[in-house]
Amino acid sequence: MADEITITTRLSYTNGSRSISWSPASASVDQTGTDFTWKTQLIGFAAAEAIVLGEVSTGEGAVMMIQNLDATNFVTVGYDDSGLKGFVKLMPGDPPFIFRCSQAAPYAQADTGDCQIQYAIIEP
């Protein structure tokens, strides 16, 4: 089969007379594997921890959608090569963030208190 994964995004911005309305066409992605993981995970604040991939054999190239479920604290997502190198800051109340993983194991770390995240990761 082809086009097993569909990604759709939209961004709107208005501030006075300035505005953006951006609705790029959705993208369809082929999946060579067959597995995915969809779950919640409690993320601690003391140190970065690996996001559990479950049935997905590697995060590299995988499509990931992730959301911070905490009402107060933010979560940083990135890769841990002897210290978290964050590339995404998930604020409380923000919608889910969608991206392709560039390394095998994504990591997360909460700000000042443990945070629950929800995510789906689909094998490439």
C-alpha atoms as a PDB file:
ATOM      1  CA  MET A   1       0.000   0.000   0.000  1.00  0.00           C
ATOM      2  CA  ALA A   2       0.953   3.657  -0.203  1.00  0.00           C
ATOM      3  CA  ASP A   3       0.084   6.888   1.576  1.00  0.00           C
ATOM      4  CA  GLU A   4      -0.732   5.183   4.888  1.00  0.00           C
ATOM      5  CA  ILE A   5       0.043   8.356   6.885  1.00  0.00           C
ATOM      6  CA  THR A   6      -1.712  11.680   6.284  1.00  0.00           C
ATOM      7  CA  ILE A   7      -0.502  14.908   7.930  1.00  0.00           C
ATOM      8  CA  THR A   8      -2.624  18.057   7.945  1.00  0.00           C
ATOM      9  CA  THR A   9      -1.686  21.401   9.534  1.00  0.00           C
ATOM     10  CA  ARG A  10      -3.081  24.935   9.739  1.00  0.00           C
ATOM     11  CA  LEU A  11      -1.838  28.219  11.213  1.00  0.00           C
ATOM     12  CA  SER A  12      -3.780  31.462  11.712  1.00  0.00           C
ATOM     13  CA  TYR A  13      -2.449  34.699  13.188  1.00  0.00           C
ATOM     14  CA  THR A  14      -4.118  38.096  13.637  1.00  0.00           C
ATOM     15  CA  ASN A  15      -2.732  41.133  15.446  1.00  0.00           C
ATOM     16  CA  GLY A  16      -4.442  44.360  14.476  1.00  0.00           C
ATOM     17  CA  SER A  17      -4.160  44.754  10.715  1.00  0.00           C
ATOM     18  CA  ARG A  18      -1.463  42.080  10.391  1.00  0.00           C
ATOM     19  CA  SER A  19      -2.487  38.491   9.762  1.00  0.00           C
ATOM     20  CA  ILE A  20      -1.481  35.122   8.398  1.00  0.00           C
ATOM     21  CA  SER A  21      -3.741  32.350   7.243  1.00  0.00           C
ATOM     22  CA  TRP A  22      -1.685  29.375   6.153  1.00  0.00           C
ATOM     23  CA  SER A  23      -3.296  26.067   5.260  1.00  0.00           C
ATOM     24  CA  PRO A  24      -0.791  24.119   3.194  1.00  0.00           C
ATOM     25  CA  ALA A  25      -2.071  21.039   1.461  1.00  0.00           C
ATOM     26  CA  SER A  26      -1.990  17.893   3.530  1.00  0.00           C
ATOM     27  CA  ALA A  27       0.860  15.476   2.944  1.00  0.00           C
ATOM     28  CA  SER A  28       0.645  11.737   2.492  1.00  0.00           C
ATOM     29  CA  VAL A  29       3.566   9.583   3.576  1.00  0.00           C
ATOM     30  CA  ASP A  30       4.352   5.990   2.690  1.00  0.00           C
ATOM     31  CA  GLN A  31       5.075   3.591   5.538  1.00  0.00           C
ATOM     32  CA  THR A  32       7.552   0.777   4.937  1.00  0.00           C
ATOM     33  CA  GLY A  33       7.067  -0.712   8.419  1.00  0.00           C
ATOM     34  CA  THR A  34       3.785  -1.702  10.044  1.00  0.00           C
ATOM     35  CA  ASP A  35       3.981  -0.629  13.684  1.00  0.00           C
ATOM     36  CA  PHE A  36       2.944   2.385  15.726  1.00  0.00           C
ATOM     37  CA  THR A  37       2.671   3.387  19.378  1.00  0.00           C
ATOM     38  CA  TRP A  38      -0.048   5.632  20.802  1.00  0.00           C
ATOM     39  CA  LYS A  39       0.103   6.275  24.532  1.00  0.00           C
ATOM     40  CA  THR A  40       0.647   8.622  27.442  1.00  0.00           C
ATOM     41  CA  GLN A  41       3.843   8.841  29.484  1.00  0.00           C
ATOM     42  CA  LEU A  42       4.755  10.670  32.676  1.00  0.00           C
ATOM     43  CA  ILE A  43       7.863  12.786  32.037  1.00  0.00           C
ATOM     44  CA  GLY A  44      10.045  13.778  34.987  1.00  0.00           C
ATOM     45  CA  PHE A  45      11.888  17.063  35.527  1.00  0.00           C
ATOM     46  CA  ALA A  46      15.122  15.811  37.117  1.00  0.00           C
ATOM     47  CA  ALA A  47      16.663  14.482  33.886  1.00  0.00           C
ATOM     48  CA  ALA A  48      15.805  13.829  30.258  1.00  0.00           C
ATOM     49  CA  GLU A  49      14.204  10.462  29.655  1.00  0.00           C
ATOM     50  CA  ALA A  50      13.586   8.407  26.552  1.00  0.00           C
ATOM     51  CA  ILE A  51      10.114   8.495  25.063  1.00  0.00           C
ATOM     52  CA  VAL A  52       8.910   4.892  25.004  1.00  0.00           C
ATOM     53  CA  LEU A  53       8.745   3.680  21.401  1.00  0.00           C
ATOM     54  CA  GLY A  54       6.789   0.508  22.239  1.00  0.00           C
ATOM     55  CA  GLU A  55       6.318  -1.593  19.096  1.00  0.00           C
ATOM     56  CA  VAL A  56       8.208   0.900  16.913  1.00  0.00           C
ATOM     57  CA  SER A  57      11.711  -0.474  16.324  1.00  0.00           C
ATOM     58  CA  THR A  58      13.384   2.922  15.759  1.00  0.00           C
ATOM     59  CA  GLY A  59      12.303   6.526  15.963  1.00  0.00           C
ATOM     60  CA  GLU A  60      14.589   7.602  13.135  1.00  0.00           C
ATOM     61  CA  GLY A  61      12.392   8.727  10.249  1.00  0.00           C
ATOM     62  CA  ALA A  62       9.211   8.044  12.213  1.00  0.00           C
ATOM     63  CA  VAL A  63       6.301  10.469  12.172  1.00  0.00           C
ATOM     64  CA  MET A  64       5.546  11.707  15.694  1.00  0.00           C
ATOM     65  CA  MET A  65       2.667  13.744  17.088  1.00  0.00           C
ATOM     66  CA  ILE A  66       3.084  14.840  20.706  1.00  0.00           C
ATOM     67  CA  GLN A  67       1.196  17.007  23.192  1.00  0.00           C
ATOM     68  CA  ASN A  68       1.826  18.225  26.730  1.00  0.00           C
ATOM     69  CA  LEU A  69      -1.234  17.423  28.888  1.00  0.00           C
ATOM     70  CA  ASP A  70      -0.020  19.393  31.931  1.00  0.00           C
ATOM     71  CA  ALA A  71      -1.897  22.569  32.883  1.00  0.00           C
ATOM     72  CA  THR A  72       1.119  24.428  34.333  1.00  0.00           C
ATOM     73  CA  ASN A  73       4.577  23.276  33.208  1.00  0.00           C
ATOM     74  CA  PHE A  74       6.221  22.947  29.802  1.00  0.00           C
ATOM     75  CA  VAL A  75       8.038  19.926  28.364  1.00  0.00           C
ATOM     76  CA  THR A  76      11.161  20.072  26.206  1.00  0.00           C
ATOM     77  CA  VAL A  77      11.556  17.412  23.500  1.00  0.00           C
ATOM     78  CA  GLY A  78      14.843  16.653  21.783  1.00  0.00           C
ATOM     79  CA  TYR A  79      17.720  14.198  21.766  1.00  0.00           C
ATOM     80  CA  ASP A  80      19.982  13.272  24.655  1.00  0.00           C
ATOM     81  CA  ASP A  81      23.623  13.140  23.633  1.00  0.00           C
ATOM     82  CA  SER A  82      25.010  13.702  27.160  1.00  0.00           C
ATOM     83  CA  GLY A  83      22.502  16.426  27.987  1.00  0.00           C
ATOM     84  CA  LEU A  84      19.140  17.189  26.401  1.00  0.00           C
ATOM     85  CA  LYS A  85      19.403  19.122  23.163  1.00  0.00           C
ATOM     86  CA  GLY A  86      15.837  20.328  22.894  1.00  0.00           C
ATOM     87  CA  PHE A  87      14.230  21.421  19.659  1.00  0.00           C
ATOM     88  CA  VAL A  88      10.570  21.582  20.730  1.00  0.00           C
ATOM     89  CA  LYS A  89       9.014  23.334  23.716  1.00  0.00           C
ATOM     90  CA  LEU A  90       5.534  21.971  24.447  1.00  0.00           C
ATOM     91  CA  MET A  91       3.643  24.621  26.410  1.00  0.00           C
ATOM     92  CA  PRO A  92       0.596  23.814  28.571  1.00  0.00           C
ATOM     93  CA  GLY A  93      -2.581  24.072  26.508  1.00  0.00           C
ATOM     94  CA  ASP A  94      -0.792  24.046  23.151  1.00  0.00           C
ATOM     95  CA  PRO A  95      -2.105  21.768  20.399  1.00  0.00           C
ATOM     96  CA  PRO A  96      -0.095  18.687  19.429  1.00  0.00           C
ATOM     97  CA  PHE A  97       3.153  19.141  17.509  1.00  0.00           C
ATOM     98  CA  ILE A  98       3.926  16.944  14.470  1.00  0.00           C
ATOM     99  CA  PHE A  99       7.428  16.187  13.195  1.00  0.00           C
ATOM    100  CA  ARG A 100       9.707  13.539  11.680  1.00  0.00           C
ATOM    101  CA  CYS A 101      12.267  12.090  14.071  1.00  0.00           C
ATOM    102  CA  SER A 102      15.863  12.635  12.971  1.00  0.00           C
ATOM    103  CA  GLN A 103      17.413  10.189  15.437  1.00  0.00           C
ATOM    104  CA  ALA A 104      16.513   6.781  16.813  1.00  0.00           C
ATOM    105  CA  ALA A 105      15.354   7.819  20.301  1.00  0.00           C
ATOM    106  CA  PRO A 106      13.529  11.061  21.106  1.00  0.00           C
ATOM    107  CA  TYR A 107      13.792  12.296  24.715  1.00  0.00           C
ATOM    108  CA  ALA A 108      11.710  14.617  26.877  1.00  0.00           C
ATOM    109  CA  GLN A 109      12.158  16.567  30.107  1.00  0.00           C
ATOM    110  CA  ALA A 110       9.573  18.473  32.112  1.00  0.00           C
ATOM    111  CA  ASP A 111      10.263  21.984  33.399  1.00  0.00           C
ATOM    112  CA  THR A 112       9.706  22.180  37.174  1.00  0.00           C
ATOM    113  CA  GLY A 113       7.275  19.343  37.844  1.00  0.00           C
ATOM    114  CA  ASP A 114       6.422  15.992  36.284  1.00  0.00           C
ATOM    115  CA  CYS A 115       4.181  16.289  33.202  1.00  0.00           C
ATOM    116  CA  GLN A 116       1.970  13.849  31.360  1.00  0.00           C
ATOM    117  CA  ILE A 117       2.423  13.752  27.590  1.00  0.00           C
ATOM    118  CA  GLN A 118       0.337  12.026  24.955  1.00  0.00           C
ATOM    119  CA  TYR A 119       1.897  10.938  21.689  1.00  0.00           C
ATOM    120  CA  ALA A 120       1.668   8.767  18.634  1.00  0.00           C
ATOM    121  CA  ILE A 121       4.765   7.568  16.835  1.00  0.00           C
ATOM    122  CA  ILE A 122       4.399   5.755  13.514  1.00  0.00           C
ATOM    123  CA  GLU A 123       7.192   3.599  12.147  1.00  0.00           C
ATOM    124  CA  PRO A 124       8.672   4.904   8.908  1.00  0.00           C
END
